[in-house]
Protein backbone atom coordinates (compact mmCIF):
# COMPACT_ATOMS: atom_id res chain seq x y z
CA UNK A 1 19.06 -10.82 -30.44
CA UNK A 2 18.14 -11.41 -26.99
CA UNK A 3 20.43 -8.65 -25.92
CA UNK A 4 19.47 -6.24 -28.61
CA UNK A 5 15.83 -6.86 -27.42
CA UNK A 6 17.00 -6.26 -23.23
CA UNK A 7 15.10 -9.72 -22.56
CA UNK A 8 15.69 -11.01 -19.17
CA UNK A 9 17.10 -14.33 -18.99
CA UNK A 10 14.54 -17.62 -19.13
CA UNK A 11 16.19 -18.58 -15.40
CA UNK A 12 15.29 -14.93 -14.56
CA UNK A 13 11.77 -15.21 -16.05
CA UNK A 14 11.20 -18.28 -14.24
CA UNK A 15 12.28 -17.30 -10.59
CA UNK A 16 9.98 -14.27 -11.26
CA UNK A 17 7.10 -16.69 -11.94
CA UNK A 18 7.66 -18.88 -9.10
CA UNK A 19 8.12 -16.34 -7.01
CA UNK A 20 4.78 -14.13 -8.56
CA UNK A 21 3.09 -17.38 -7.62
CA UNK A 22 3.94 -17.89 -3.63
CA UNK A 23 2.97 -13.78 -3.78
CA UNK A 24 -0.02 -14.93 -4.82
CA UNK A 25 -0.47 -18.13 -2.53
CA UNK A 26 0.23 -16.24 0.36
CA UNK A 27 -2.45 -13.02 -0.05
CA UNK A 28 -4.93 -16.03 -1.03
CA UNK A 29 -5.33 -14.71 -5.03
CA UNK A 30 -5.24 -18.12 -6.25
CA UNK A 31 -7.57 -21.53 -4.81
CA UNK A 32 -4.18 -23.05 -2.67
CA UNK A 33 -4.57 -23.96 0.45
CA UNK A 34 -2.05 -21.90 2.51
CA UNK A 35 -2.74 -23.43 5.92
CA UNK A 36 -0.38 -26.25 6.14
CA UNK A 37 1.89 -25.05 3.36
CA UNK A 38 3.11 -21.24 4.25
CA UNK A 39 3.88 -21.24 8.20
CA UNK A 40 5.39 -17.98 8.88
CA UNK A 41 8.34 -18.26 10.61
CA UNK A 42 8.81 -18.20 14.52
CA UNK A 43 11.72 -16.25 15.51
CA UNK A 44 12.65 -13.16 13.74
CA UNK A 45 16.17 -12.84 11.96
CA UNK A 46 17.83 -9.64 10.79
CA UNK A 47 18.74 -11.81 7.90
CA UNK A 48 15.50 -12.64 7.33
CA UNK A 49 12.31 -10.55 5.56
CA UNK A 50 9.69 -9.84 7.42
CA UNK A 51 7.80 -11.78 5.48
CA UNK A 52 9.30 -14.99 5.68
CA UNK A 53 8.01 -18.58 5.96
CA UNK A 54 9.77 -22.00 7.13
CA UNK A 55 10.98 -23.81 4.88
CA UNK A 56 9.14 -27.57 5.15
CA UNK A 57 11.57 -30.09 6.14
CA UNK A 58 12.07 -33.22 3.77
CA UNK A 59 14.17 -35.98 4.23
CA UNK A 60 15.43 -36.22 0.32
CA UNK A 61 17.75 -33.54 -0.92
CA UNK A 62 15.94 -34.05 -4.24
CA UNK A 63 11.99 -33.24 -2.76
CA UNK A 64 14.01 -30.48 -1.12
CA UNK A 65 15.63 -28.74 -4.22
CA UNK A 66 12.64 -29.94 -6.33
CA UNK A 67 9.53 -29.04 -5.01
CA UNK A 68 7.92 -25.56 -5.37
CA UNK A 69 7.21 -25.14 -1.99
CA UNK A 70 11.06 -25.52 -0.14
CA UNK A 71 12.35 -24.78 -3.19
CA UNK A 72 10.42 -20.83 -3.62
CA UNK A 73 9.94 -20.53 -0.11
CA UNK A 74 13.93 -20.51 0.08
CA UNK A 75 13.96 -17.37 -2.05
CA UNK A 76 11.52 -15.66 -0.80
CA UNK A 77 13.17 -15.69 1.91
CA UNK A 78 16.31 -14.75 1.01
CA UNK A 79 14.06 -11.03 -0.90
CA UNK A 80 14.96 -8.05 1.15
CA UNK A 81 12.22 -6.66 3.18
CA UNK A 82 9.52 -4.41 1.54
């Protein structure tokens, strides 16, 4: 049925929603303080997009994989430049 309706998968919808929320935080469209969470990357690279952020340090792998900002910033940085 999902293929017939041509709906995106649940995984793809979740990814789009998290990236959309990070975009809204970066552009101050939501009431989340971005000052300590979204730090622009210091060294530019041709492998990163123009709006790349520094991934917050975490001592545990669990927090790095499950926390919203580290997980989403990693995915955000892999997007092509716009």
